C-alpha atoms as a PDB file:
ATOM      1  CA  MET A   1     -14.955   6.026 -29.198  1.00  0.00           C
ATOM      2  CA  PHE A   2     -17.634   4.852 -26.787  1.00  0.00           C
ATOM      3  CA  PRO A   3     -16.966   1.254 -25.707  1.00  0.00           C
ATOM      4  CA  VAL A   4     -19.568  -1.387 -26.406  1.00  0.00           C
ATOM      5  CA  ILE A   5     -19.489  -3.861 -23.559  1.00  0.00           C
ATOM      6  CA  ARG A   6     -20.376  -7.492 -24.131  1.00  0.00           C
ATOM      7  CA  ARG A   7     -21.516  -8.676 -20.731  1.00  0.00           C
ATOM      8  CA  ASN A   8     -21.894 -12.138 -19.294  1.00  0.00           C
ATOM      9  CA  LEU A   9     -25.679 -12.282 -19.181  1.00  0.00           C
ATOM     10  CA  GLY A  10     -26.169 -15.727 -17.736  1.00  0.00           C
ATOM     11  CA  VAL A  11     -28.120 -16.230 -14.533  1.00  0.00           C
ATOM     12  CA  LEU A  12     -25.824 -16.146 -11.539  1.00  0.00           C
ATOM     13  CA  ALA A  13     -26.157 -19.356  -9.563  1.00  0.00           C
ATOM     14  CA  LEU A  14     -26.496 -18.755  -5.850  1.00  0.00           C
ATOM     15  CA  GLY A  15     -25.144 -21.436  -3.583  1.00  0.00           C
ATOM     16  CA  ALA A  16     -24.485 -21.258   0.129  1.00  0.00           C
ATOM     17  CA  SER A  17     -21.394 -19.125  -0.370  1.00  0.00           C
ATOM     18  CA  SER A  18     -22.303 -17.404  -3.621  1.00  0.00           C
ATOM     19  CA  VAL A  19     -23.038 -13.724  -4.122  1.00  0.00           C
ATOM     20  CA  LEU A  20     -24.430 -11.501  -6.823  1.00  0.00           C
ATOM     21  CA  VAL A  21     -21.684  -9.360  -8.308  1.00  0.00           C
ATOM     22  CA  LEU A  22     -22.241  -5.607  -8.522  1.00  0.00           C
ATOM     23  CA  ALA A  23     -21.335  -3.640 -11.606  1.00  0.00           C
ATOM     24  CA  GLY A  24     -18.323  -1.436 -11.140  1.00  0.00           C
ATOM     25  CA  CYS A  25     -17.343  -2.503  -7.636  1.00  0.00           C
ATOM     26  CA  GLY A  26     -16.231  -5.458  -5.581  1.00  0.00           C
ATOM     27  CA  GLU A  27     -19.238  -5.687  -3.287  1.00  0.00           C
ATOM     28  CA  SER A  28     -21.914  -8.333  -3.535  1.00  0.00           C
ATOM     29  CA  ALA A  29     -25.377  -7.408  -4.703  1.00  0.00           C
ATOM     30  CA  VAL A  30     -26.786  -9.383  -1.799  1.00  0.00           C
ATOM     31  CA  SER A  31     -24.390 -10.491   0.899  1.00  0.00           C
ATOM     32  CA  GLU A  32     -24.777 -13.475   3.187  1.00  0.00           C
ATOM     33  CA  SER A  33     -25.659 -11.172   6.090  1.00  0.00           C
ATOM     34  CA  ASP A  34     -28.773 -10.004   4.247  1.00  0.00           C
ATOM     35  CA  THR A  35     -30.454 -13.352   4.813  1.00  0.00           C
ATOM     36  CA  SER A  36     -30.704 -12.444   8.512  1.00  0.00           C
ATOM     37  CA  SER A  37     -33.418  -9.934   7.644  1.00  0.00           C
ATOM     38  CA  GLY A  38     -35.819 -12.832   7.113  1.00  0.00           C
ATOM     39  CA  ALA A  39     -38.378 -13.217   4.375  1.00  0.00           C
ATOM     40  CA  LYS A  40     -41.155 -12.101   6.708  1.00  0.00           C
ATOM     41  CA  GLY A  41     -39.575  -8.674   7.090  1.00  0.00           C
ATOM     42  CA  GLY A  42     -36.829  -8.260   9.665  1.00  0.00           C
ATOM     43  CA  ASP A  43     -34.908  -5.119  10.516  1.00  0.00           C
ATOM     44  CA  THR A  44     -33.421  -4.797   7.014  1.00  0.00           C
ATOM     45  CA  LEU A  45     -35.049  -5.009   3.604  1.00  0.00           C
ATOM     46  CA  VAL A  46     -33.013  -5.228   0.402  1.00  0.00           C
ATOM     47  CA  MET A  47     -34.077  -3.212  -2.631  1.00  0.00           C
ATOM     48  CA  ALA A  48     -32.371  -3.862  -5.950  1.00  0.00           C
ATOM     49  CA  ALA A  49     -32.464  -2.306  -9.405  1.00  0.00           C
ATOM     50  CA  VAL A  50     -30.708  -2.564 -12.736  1.00  0.00           C
ATOM     51  CA  PRO A  51     -29.419   0.760 -14.073  1.00  0.00           C
ATOM     52  CA  ALA A  52     -30.741   1.941 -17.418  1.00  0.00           C
ATOM     53  CA  GLU A  53     -27.377   3.531 -18.090  1.00  0.00           C
ATOM     54  CA  ASN A  54     -23.739   3.204 -17.066  1.00  0.00           C
ATOM     55  CA  SER A  55     -24.170   5.356 -13.992  1.00  0.00           C
ATOM     56  CA  THR A  56     -22.407   5.249 -10.638  1.00  0.00           C
ATOM     57  CA  ASP A  57     -25.193   7.310  -9.053  1.00  0.00           C
ATOM     58  CA  LEU A  58     -28.045   4.782  -9.121  1.00  0.00           C
ATOM     59  CA  LYS A  59     -28.251   4.609  -5.328  1.00  0.00           C
ATOM     60  CA  ALA A  60     -28.414   8.405  -5.156  1.00  0.00           C
ATOM     61  CA  SER A  61     -31.347   8.403  -7.598  1.00  0.00           C
ATOM     62  CA  TYR A  62     -33.381   6.251  -5.216  1.00  0.00           C
ATOM     63  CA  ALA A  63     -32.071   7.807  -1.971  1.00  0.00           C
ATOM     64  CA  THR A  64     -35.072  10.051  -1.312  1.00  0.00           C
ATOM     65  CA  VAL A  65     -37.610   7.277  -1.825  1.00  0.00           C
ATOM     66  CA  ILE A  66     -35.524   4.980   0.381  1.00  0.00           C
ATOM     67  CA  LYS A  67     -35.533   7.589   3.138  1.00  0.00           C
ATOM     68  CA  MET A  68     -39.323   7.792   2.921  1.00  0.00           C
ATOM     69  CA  LEU A  69     -39.680   3.989   2.879  1.00  0.00           C
ATOM     70  CA  GLU A  70     -37.522   3.646   5.974  1.00  0.00           C
ATOM     71  CA  LYS A  71     -39.765   6.059   7.862  1.00  0.00           C
ATOM     72  CA  GLU A  72     -42.990   4.443   6.688  1.00  0.00           C
ATOM     73  CA  THR A  73     -41.904   0.837   7.309  1.00  0.00           C
ATOM     74  CA  GLY A  74     -39.635   1.265  10.319  1.00  0.00           C
ATOM     75  CA  ARG A  75     -37.051  -0.886   8.514  1.00  0.00           C
ATOM     76  CA  LYS A  76     -33.605  -0.137   7.190  1.00  0.00           C
ATOM     77  CA  ILE A  77     -33.578  -0.305   3.392  1.00  0.00           C
ATOM     78  CA  GLU A  78     -30.326  -1.552   1.875  1.00  0.00           C
ATOM     79  CA  PHE A  79     -30.056  -0.613  -1.797  1.00  0.00           C
ATOM     80  CA  GLN A  80     -28.095  -2.770  -4.205  1.00  0.00           C
ATOM     81  CA  LYS A  81     -27.247  -2.158  -7.868  1.00  0.00           C
ATOM     82  CA  ALA A  82     -27.338  -5.415  -9.801  1.00  0.00           C
ATOM     83  CA  THR A  83     -25.212  -6.198 -12.829  1.00  0.00           C
ATOM     84  CA  ASN A  84     -28.096  -7.299 -15.048  1.00  0.00           C
ATOM     85  CA  TYR A  85     -31.768  -8.269 -15.097  1.00  0.00           C
ATOM     86  CA  ALA A  86     -31.050 -11.935 -14.384  1.00  0.00           C
ATOM     87  CA  ALA A  87     -29.341 -11.004 -11.121  1.00  0.00           C
ATOM     88  CA  VAL A  88     -32.475  -9.259  -9.830  1.00  0.00           C
ATOM     89  CA  ILE A  89     -34.661 -12.237 -10.781  1.00  0.00           C
ATOM     90  CA  GLU A  90     -32.367 -14.698  -9.046  1.00  0.00           C
ATOM     91  CA  GLY A  91     -31.957 -12.464  -5.995  1.00  0.00           C
ATOM     92  CA  GLN A  92     -35.711 -12.211  -5.445  1.00  0.00           C
ATOM     93  CA  ARG A  93     -36.200 -15.900  -6.168  1.00  0.00           C
ATOM     94  CA  SER A  94     -33.661 -16.779  -3.470  1.00  0.00           C
ATOM     95  CA  GLY A  95     -35.297 -14.454  -0.932  1.00  0.00           C
ATOM     96  CA  LYS A  96     -32.316 -12.097  -0.768  1.00  0.00           C
ATOM     97  CA  ILE A  97     -34.147  -9.200  -2.433  1.00  0.00           C
ATOM     98  CA  GLN A  98     -37.489  -8.053  -1.037  1.00  0.00           C
ATOM     99  CA  ILE A  99     -38.139  -4.998  -3.240  1.00  0.00           C
ATOM    100  CA  ALA A 100     -37.156  -5.302  -6.905  1.00  0.00           C
ATOM    101  CA  ALA A 101     -37.216  -2.692  -9.671  1.00  0.00           C
ATOM    102  CA  TYR A 102     -37.791  -4.770 -12.794  1.00  0.00           C
ATOM    103  CA  GLY A 103     -38.225  -4.091 -16.460  1.00  0.00           C
ATOM    104  CA  PRO A 104     -41.622  -5.291 -17.760  1.00  0.00           C
ATOM    105  CA  PHE A 105     -40.051  -8.267 -19.546  1.00  0.00           C
ATOM    106  CA  SER A 106     -37.832  -9.280 -16.643  1.00  0.00           C
ATOM    107  CA  TYR A 107     -40.864  -9.129 -14.317  1.00  0.00           C
ATOM    108  CA  VAL A 108     -42.795 -11.466 -16.635  1.00  0.00           C
ATOM    109  CA  GLN A 109     -39.763 -13.766 -16.726  1.00  0.00           C
ATOM    110  CA  ALA A 110     -39.528 -13.702 -12.950  1.00  0.00           C
ATOM    111  CA  LYS A 111     -43.174 -14.707 -12.531  1.00  0.00           C
ATOM    112  CA  SER A 112     -43.032 -17.410 -15.200  1.00  0.00           C
ATOM    113  CA  SER A 113     -39.945 -18.905 -13.553  1.00  0.00           C
ATOM    114  CA  GLY A 114     -41.647 -19.169 -10.167  1.00  0.00           C
ATOM    115  CA  VAL A 115     -40.591 -15.981  -8.385  1.00  0.00           C
ATOM    116  CA  LYS A 116     -43.227 -15.128  -5.765  1.00  0.00           C
ATOM    117  CA  ALA A 117     -43.606 -11.380  -6.092  1.00  0.00           C
ATOM    118  CA  THR A 118     -46.362  -8.848  -6.758  1.00  0.00           C
ATOM    119  CA  PRO A 119     -46.004  -5.693  -8.880  1.00  0.00           C
ATOM    120  CA  ILE A 120     -47.348  -2.656  -7.031  1.00  0.00           C
ATOM    121  CA  ALA A 121     -46.282   0.466  -8.934  1.00  0.00           C
ATOM    122  CA  ALA A 122     -44.448   1.746 -11.991  1.00  0.00           C
ATOM    123  CA  GLY A 123     -42.766   5.055 -12.713  1.00  0.00           C
ATOM    124  CA  VAL A 124     -44.521   7.830 -14.632  1.00  0.00           C
ATOM    125  CA  GLU A 125     -42.843  10.876 -16.137  1.00  0.00           C
ATOM    126  CA  LYS A 126     -45.686  13.278 -15.286  1.00  0.00           C
ATOM    127  CA  LYS A 127     -48.470  13.345 -12.694  1.00  0.00           C
ATOM    128  CA  GLY A 128     -51.590  11.685 -14.064  1.00  0.00           C
ATOM    129  CA  ASP A 129     -49.743   9.696 -16.736  1.00  0.00           C
ATOM    130  CA  LYS A 130     -50.377   6.017 -17.249  1.00  0.00           C
ATOM    131  CA  PRO A 131     -47.239   3.911 -16.789  1.00  0.00           C
ATOM    132  CA  GLY A 132     -45.814   3.198 -20.207  1.00  0.00           C
ATOM    133  CA  TYR A 133     -43.085   3.960 -22.714  1.00  0.00           C
ATOM    134  CA  ARG A 134     -41.816   2.919 -26.141  1.00  0.00           C
ATOM    135  CA  SER A 135     -38.802   1.265 -27.668  1.00  0.00           C
ATOM    136  CA  TYR A 136     -37.016   3.196 -30.403  1.00  0.00           C
ATOM    137  CA  GLY A 137     -35.145   1.770 -33.361  1.00  0.00           C
ATOM    138  CA  ILE A 138     -32.387   4.278 -34.088  1.00  0.00           C
ATOM    139  CA  VAL A 139     -29.654   5.058 -36.601  1.00  0.00           C
ATOM    140  CA  LYS A 140     -27.041   7.758 -36.914  1.00  0.00           C
ATOM    141  CA  THR A 141     -28.483  10.771 -38.696  1.00  0.00           C
ATOM    142  CA  GLY A 142     -27.624  10.590 -42.387  1.00  0.00           C
ATOM    143  CA  SER A 143     -27.741   6.794 -42.489  1.00  0.00           C
ATOM    144  CA  ALA A 144     -29.274   5.142 -45.524  1.00  0.00           C
ATOM    145  CA  ILE A 145     -31.364   2.977 -43.169  1.00  0.00           C
ATOM    146  CA  LYS A 146     -34.946   4.259 -43.128  1.00  0.00           C
ATOM    147  CA  ASP A 147     -36.866   1.484 -41.356  1.00  0.00           C
ATOM    148  CA  LEU A 148     -36.427  -1.860 -39.611  1.00  0.00           C
ATOM    149  CA  LYS A 149     -36.108  -3.688 -42.923  1.00  0.00           C
ATOM    150  CA  GLY A 150     -32.883  -1.753 -43.364  1.00  0.00           C
ATOM    151  CA  PHE A 151     -31.434  -3.374 -40.227  1.00  0.00           C
ATOM    152  CA  ALA A 152     -30.929  -6.602 -42.210  1.00  0.00           C
ATOM    153  CA  GLY A 153     -27.260  -7.414 -42.646  1.00  0.00           C
ATOM    154  CA  LYS A 154     -26.202  -4.723 -40.184  1.00  0.00           C
ATOM    155  CA  LYS A 155     -24.452  -4.628 -36.815  1.00  0.00           C
ATOM    156  CA  VAL A 156     -27.297  -3.902 -34.397  1.00  0.00           C
ATOM    157  CA  CYS A 157     -27.002  -2.866 -30.748  1.00  0.00           C
ATOM    158  CA  PHE A 158     -29.479  -4.347 -28.288  1.00  0.00           C
ATOM    159  CA  VAL A 159     -29.332  -3.738 -24.528  1.00  0.00           C
ATOM    160  CA  ASP A 160     -29.708  -7.074 -22.717  1.00  0.00           C
ATOM    161  CA  PRO A 161     -31.499 -10.334 -23.594  1.00  0.00           C
ATOM    162  CA  ASN A 162     -33.848  -9.694 -20.656  1.00  0.00           C
ATOM    163  CA  SER A 163     -34.642  -6.082 -21.587  1.00  0.00           C
ATOM    164  CA  THR A 164     -38.170  -5.215 -22.716  1.00  0.00           C
ATOM    165  CA  SER A 165     -37.481  -2.133 -24.841  1.00  0.00           C
ATOM    166  CA  GLY A 166     -33.876  -3.078 -25.527  1.00  0.00           C
ATOM    167  CA  TYR A 167     -34.530  -6.589 -26.799  1.00  0.00           C
ATOM    168  CA  LEU A 168     -38.002  -8.202 -26.654  1.00  0.00           C
ATOM    169  CA  TYR A 169     -40.072  -5.540 -28.429  1.00  0.00           C
ATOM    170  CA  PRO A 170     -37.263  -4.828 -30.931  1.00  0.00           C
ATOM    171  CA  ARG A 171     -37.097  -8.535 -31.734  1.00  0.00           C
ATOM    172  CA  SER A 172     -40.845  -8.548 -32.365  1.00  0.00           C
ATOM    173  CA  GLY A 173     -40.518  -5.472 -34.586  1.00  0.00           C
ATOM    174  CA  LEU A 174     -37.714  -7.002 -36.620  1.00  0.00           C
ATOM    175  CA  LEU A 175     -39.655 -10.229 -37.124  1.00  0.00           C
ATOM    176  CA  ASP A 176     -42.677  -8.222 -38.311  1.00  0.00           C
ATOM    177  CA  ALA A 177     -40.370  -6.448 -40.770  1.00  0.00           C
ATOM    178  CA  GLY A 178     -39.184  -9.768 -42.155  1.00  0.00           C
ATOM    179  CA  VAL A 179     -35.685  -9.580 -40.685  1.00  0.00           C
ATOM    180  CA  ASP A 180     -34.070 -12.848 -39.587  1.00  0.00           C
ATOM    181  CA  VAL A 181     -33.052 -11.975 -36.038  1.00  0.00           C
ATOM    182  CA  GLU A 182     -30.893 -15.082 -35.603  1.00  0.00           C
ATOM    183  CA  LYS A 183     -28.902 -14.993 -38.841  1.00  0.00           C
ATOM    184  CA  GLY A 184     -29.832 -11.791 -40.656  1.00  0.00           C
ATOM    185  CA  ILE A 185     -28.077  -9.313 -38.352  1.00  0.00           C
ATOM    186  CA  THR A 186     -24.979  -9.102 -36.174  1.00  0.00           C
ATOM    187  CA  ALA A 187     -26.362  -8.581 -32.684  1.00  0.00           C
ATOM    188  CA  VAL A 188     -24.368  -6.795 -29.968  1.00  0.00           C
ATOM    189  CA  MET A 189     -25.495  -6.632 -26.326  1.00  0.00           C
ATOM    190  CA  SER A 190     -24.335  -3.236 -25.081  1.00  0.00           C
ATOM    191  CA  GLY A 191     -25.368  -3.672 -21.435  1.00  0.00           C
ATOM    192  CA  GLY A 192     -27.199  -0.331 -21.130  1.00  0.00           C
ATOM    193  CA  HIS A 193     -29.672   1.851 -23.002  1.00  0.00           C
ATOM    194  CA  ASP A 194     -27.200   4.728 -23.020  1.00  0.00           C
ATOM    195  CA  ALA A 195     -24.454   2.438 -24.325  1.00  0.00           C
ATOM    196  CA  SER A 196     -26.694   1.330 -27.188  1.00  0.00           C
ATOM    197  CA  VAL A 197     -27.485   4.908 -28.240  1.00  0.00           C
ATOM    198  CA  LEU A 198     -23.911   6.118 -27.949  1.00  0.00           C
ATOM    199  CA  ALA A 199     -22.583   3.120 -29.871  1.00  0.00           C
ATOM    200  CA  VAL A 200     -24.881   4.080 -32.756  1.00  0.00           C
ATOM    201  CA  LYS A 201     -23.729   7.668 -32.476  1.00  0.00           C
ATOM    202  CA  SER A 202     -20.056   6.625 -32.629  1.00  0.00           C
ATOM    203  CA  GLY A 203     -20.598   4.209 -35.508  1.00  0.00           C
ATOM    204  CA  GLN A 204     -19.753   1.084 -33.558  1.00  0.00           C
ATOM    205  CA  CYS A 205     -23.246  -0.162 -34.373  1.00  0.00           C
ATOM    206  CA  GLU A 206     -25.023   0.722 -37.598  1.00  0.00           C
ATOM    207  CA  ALA A 207     -28.394   0.616 -35.854  1.00  0.00           C
ATOM    208  CA  GLY A 208     -29.696   0.001 -32.371  1.00  0.00           C
ATOM    209  CA  PHE A 209     -32.501   0.037 -29.838  1.00  0.00           C
ATOM    210  CA  ALA A 210     -33.181   1.924 -26.600  1.00  0.00           C
ATOM    211  CA  TYR A 211     -36.161   3.267 -24.700  1.00  0.00           C
ATOM    212  CA  ASP A 212     -37.676   6.577 -25.754  1.00  0.00           C
ATOM    213  CA  THR A 213     -36.643   8.867 -22.899  1.00  0.00           C
ATOM    214  CA  MET A 214     -33.006   7.850 -23.159  1.00  0.00           C
ATOM    215  CA  VAL A 215     -32.988   9.077 -26.771  1.00  0.00           C
ATOM    216  CA  ASP A 216     -35.305  12.088 -26.466  1.00  0.00           C
ATOM    217  CA  LYS A 217     -34.232  13.468 -23.110  1.00  0.00           C
ATOM    218  CA  GLN A 218     -31.694  11.872 -20.797  1.00  0.00           C
ATOM    219  CA  LEU A 219     -28.552  11.814 -22.953  1.00  0.00           C
ATOM    220  CA  ILE A 220     -29.367  15.240 -24.407  1.00  0.00           C
ATOM    221  CA  GLU A 221     -29.728  16.762 -20.938  1.00  0.00           C
ATOM    222  CA  LYS A 222     -26.384  15.252 -19.949  1.00  0.00           C
ATOM    223  CA  GLY A 223     -24.672  16.742 -22.989  1.00  0.00           C
ATOM    224  CA  GLN A 224     -23.739  13.341 -24.397  1.00  0.00           C
ATOM    225  CA  LEU A 225     -26.023  13.610 -27.399  1.00  0.00           C
ATOM    226  CA  LYS A 226     -27.322  16.387 -29.647  1.00  0.00           C
ATOM    227  CA  LYS A 227     -30.892  16.329 -30.928  1.00  0.00           C
ATOM    228  CA  ASP A 228     -29.855  15.994 -34.562  1.00  0.00           C
ATOM    229  CA  GLU A 229     -27.241  13.245 -34.110  1.00  0.00           C
ATOM    230  CA  ILE A 230     -29.672  10.320 -33.916  1.00  0.00           C
ATOM    231  CA  THR A 231     -32.710   9.539 -36.070  1.00  0.00           C
ATOM    232  CA  THR A 232     -35.566   7.355 -34.855  1.00  0.00           C
ATOM    233  CA  VAL A 233     -36.775   5.067 -37.657  1.00  0.00           C
ATOM    234  CA  TRP A 234     -39.144   2.881 -35.614  1.00  0.00           C
ATOM    235  CA  LYS A 235     -41.301   3.179 -32.496  1.00  0.00           C
ATOM    236  CA  SER A 236     -42.849   0.195 -30.727  1.00  0.00           C
ATOM    237  CA  ASP A 237     -46.365  -0.128 -29.417  1.00  0.00           C
ATOM    238  CA  LEU A 238     -46.792   1.257 -25.900  1.00  0.00           C
ATOM    239  CA  ILE A 239     -44.971  -0.899 -23.351  1.00  0.00           C
ATOM    240  CA  PRO A 240     -46.369  -1.086 -19.791  1.00  0.00           C
ATOM    241  CA  GLY A 241     -44.207   0.741 -17.265  1.00  0.00           C
ATOM    242  CA  SER A 242     -41.309  -0.882 -15.417  1.00  0.00           C
ATOM    243  CA  PRO A 243     -42.699  -2.281 -12.158  1.00  0.00           C
ATOM    244  CA  VAL A 244     -41.534  -2.339  -8.584  1.00  0.00           C
ATOM    245  CA  ALA A 245     -42.419  -5.789  -7.228  1.00  0.00           C
ATOM    246  CA  ILE A 246     -42.385  -6.877  -3.594  1.00  0.00           C
ATOM    247  CA  SER A 247     -41.864 -10.394  -2.281  1.00  0.00           C
ATOM    248  CA  ASP A 248     -45.025 -12.266  -1.413  1.00  0.00           C
ATOM    249  CA  ASP A 249     -43.285 -13.762   1.628  1.00  0.00           C
ATOM    250  CA  LEU A 250     -43.280 -10.452   3.490  1.00  0.00           C
ATOM    251  CA  ASP A 251     -45.742  -9.919   6.327  1.00  0.00           C
ATOM    252  CA  ALA A 252     -49.117  -8.676   5.088  1.00  0.00           C
ATOM    253  CA  ASP A 253     -48.861  -5.483   7.151  1.00  0.00           C
ATOM    254  CA  LEU A 254     -45.397  -4.710   5.828  1.00  0.00           C
ATOM    255  CA  LYS A 255     -46.471  -5.396   2.227  1.00  0.00           C
ATOM    256  CA  GLN A 256     -49.372  -2.976   2.675  1.00  0.00           C
ATOM    257  CA  LYS A 257     -47.087  -0.261   4.064  1.00  0.00           C
ATOM    258  CA  ILE A 258     -44.658  -0.603   1.140  1.00  0.00           C
ATOM    259  CA  THR A 259     -47.517  -0.660  -1.379  1.00  0.00           C
ATOM    260  CA  ASN A 260     -49.146   2.463   0.055  1.00  0.00           C
ATOM    261  CA  ALA A 261     -45.791   4.238   0.176  1.00  0.00           C
ATOM    262  CA  PHE A 262     -45.024   3.659  -3.491  1.00  0.00           C
ATOM    263  CA  ARG A 263     -48.531   4.409  -4.705  1.00  0.00           C
ATOM    264  CA  THR A 264     -49.208   7.571  -2.690  1.00  0.00           C
ATOM    265  CA  MET A 265     -45.926   8.942  -1.350  1.00  0.00           C
ATOM    266  CA  ALA A 266     -43.186   8.072  -3.838  1.00  0.00           C
ATOM    267  CA  ASN A 267     -43.654  11.150  -5.991  1.00  0.00           C
ATOM    268  CA  VAL A 268     -41.956  14.512  -6.222  1.00  0.00           C
ATOM    269  CA  ASP A 269     -44.964  16.464  -4.905  1.00  0.00           C
ATOM    270  CA  TYR A 270     -45.274  14.435  -1.701  1.00  0.00           C
ATOM    271  CA  LEU A 271     -41.531  14.224  -1.085  1.00  0.00           C
ATOM    272  CA  LYS A 272     -41.112  17.984  -1.441  1.00  0.00           C
ATOM    273  CA  ALA A 273     -44.146  18.792   0.701  1.00  0.00           C
ATOM    274  CA  HIS A 274     -42.955  16.551   3.532  1.00  0.00           C
ATOM    275  CA  GLY A 275     -39.359  17.726   3.653  1.00  0.00           C
ATOM    276  CA  TYR A 276     -37.648  14.775   1.997  1.00  0.00           C
ATOM    277  CA  CYS A 277     -36.308  17.026  -0.752  1.00  0.00           C
ATOM    278  CA  GLY A 278     -34.683  20.221   0.384  1.00  0.00           C
ATOM    279  CA  GLY A 279     -32.572  23.027  -0.991  1.00  0.00           C
ATOM    280  CA  SER A 280     -31.834  23.453  -4.677  1.00  0.00           C
ATOM    281  CA  ALA A 281     -30.973  19.802  -5.313  1.00  0.00           C
ATOM    282  CA  LYS A 282     -33.119  17.917  -7.803  1.00  0.00           C
ATOM    283  CA  CYS A 283     -35.821  15.781  -6.193  1.00  0.00           C
ATOM    284  CA  GLU A 284     -35.555  12.275  -7.672  1.00  0.00           C
ATOM    285  CA  VAL A 285     -37.591   9.100  -7.301  1.00  0.00           C
ATOM    286  CA  ASP A 286     -35.598   6.863  -9.666  1.00  0.00           C
ATOM    287  CA  ASP A 287     -32.914   6.927 -12.366  1.00  0.00           C
ATOM    288  CA  ALA A 288     -35.369   7.712 -15.183  1.00  0.00           C
ATOM    289  CA  GLY A 289     -36.275  11.209 -14.030  1.00  0.00           C
ATOM    290  CA  ASP A 290     -39.887  10.249 -13.320  1.00  0.00           C
ATOM    291  CA  TRP A 291     -42.377  12.382 -11.359  1.00  0.00           C
ATOM    292  CA  GLY A 292     -43.378   9.401  -9.281  1.00  0.00           C
ATOM    293  CA  TYR A 293     -45.212   6.088  -9.329  1.00  0.00           C
ATOM    294  CA  ALA A 294     -48.659   4.900 -10.422  1.00  0.00           C
ATOM    295  CA  THR A 295     -50.553   1.736  -9.566  1.00  0.00           C
ATOM    296  CA  VAL A 296     -50.026  -1.460 -11.597  1.00  0.00           C
ATOM    297  CA  ASP A 297     -50.892  -5.120 -11.097  1.00  0.00           C
ATOM    298  CA  ASP A 298     -49.979  -8.420 -12.729  1.00  0.00           C
ATOM    299  CA  ALA A 299     -52.574  -8.031 -15.499  1.00  0.00           C
ATOM    300  CA  THR A 300     -50.824  -4.826 -16.598  1.00  0.00           C
ATOM    301  CA  TYR A 301     -48.122  -7.019 -18.147  1.00  0.00           C
ATOM    302  CA  ASP A 302     -50.346  -9.310 -20.220  1.00  0.00           C
ATOM    303  CA  GLY A 303     -49.303  -7.331 -23.322  1.00  0.00           C
ATOM    304  CA  VAL A 304     -45.690  -8.340 -22.712  1.00  0.00           C
ATOM    305  CA  ARG A 305     -46.796 -11.949 -22.443  1.00  0.00           C
ATOM    306  CA  LYS A 306     -48.514 -11.644 -25.821  1.00  0.00           C
ATOM    307  CA  VAL A 307     -45.310 -10.327 -27.404  1.00  0.00           C
ATOM    308  CA  CYS A 308     -43.544 -13.350 -25.935  1.00  0.00           C
ATOM    309  CA  GLU A 309     -46.086 -15.591 -27.660  1.00  0.00           C
ATOM    310  CA  VAL A 310     -45.407 -13.841 -30.970  1.00  0.00           C
ATOM    311  CA  THR A 311     -41.615 -13.918 -30.769  1.00  0.00           C
ATOM    312  CA  LYS A 312     -41.352 -17.330 -29.110  1.00  0.00           C
ATOM    313  CA  ASP A 313     -38.064 -16.073 -27.722  1.00  0.00           C
ATOM    314  CA  LYS A 314     -36.282 -18.484 -25.405  1.00  0.00           C
ATOM    315  CA  GLN A 315     -35.819 -15.663 -22.884  1.00  0.00           C
ATOM    316  CA  CYS A 316     -39.583 -15.687 -22.328  1.00  0.00           C
ATOM    317  CA  VAL A 317     -39.370 -19.062 -20.642  1.00  0.00           C
ATOM    318  CA  GLU A 318     -35.765 -19.205 -19.452  1.00  0.00           C
ATOM    319  CA  SER A 319     -34.264 -17.114 -16.657  1.00  0.00           C
END
């Protein structure tokens, strides 16, 4: 049976000797030595991301883009896998993360809590696509649950309190359906989109939420899910794509180099054409299987802010 993990999702306080703890290993997400890089852009820049699934290969997914960034910026890029969304927010707030791969909701949280960062690009599955995706409400095929109203009284898997498609938009959908999110369901935080889907498949949760590609593509391609094992009973409105945000404290020239790199070079076509991807190995830009990145700015995420206004969720103002 697939384990549902209840994680400690509180913000990790960073004192003089504190570190961010990495999932699955004993290293720190941002070590004390990283502060020597300097906010203005020293020899090393730290890039951090939260995995969408319980994968040990997150660094490998970003390796090709990191190689390109190192060439374009002349800096060493140190990649760190954070344990949760709150860790990325706190790491960028403290100046220990210069390039952060956020979810839309966690980016909005970061900005509202005072993090000085600018979104520059978001992943797209195909060339020419606009950055965006949907949250799915799912049940095991054959379930008597046919819509979100049916989630009432059930054990429901969410992903993380700071997840856009794994918590915020689902919460809004449940409220619209008349379901008491606080008392009308038994909520479980699975810690990953894959964990949420597989917990529904195994019966550990009677219903759950995850982003569309995880259900329609990723787990099926990995052989962990068959097409007919899960039924989607709800789809959210389009959610703006997950942004990469860079620290405002970086030198203007360095910020421009990173921005140009993500917007024009961090895509499969460019990376293949310029020798970053060779042989028969899959050319990757992130852990979602995207083609590359498209331009976004802060206004792109106003829709997420509106959902926050509707839900009045405490996570919208606390981080």
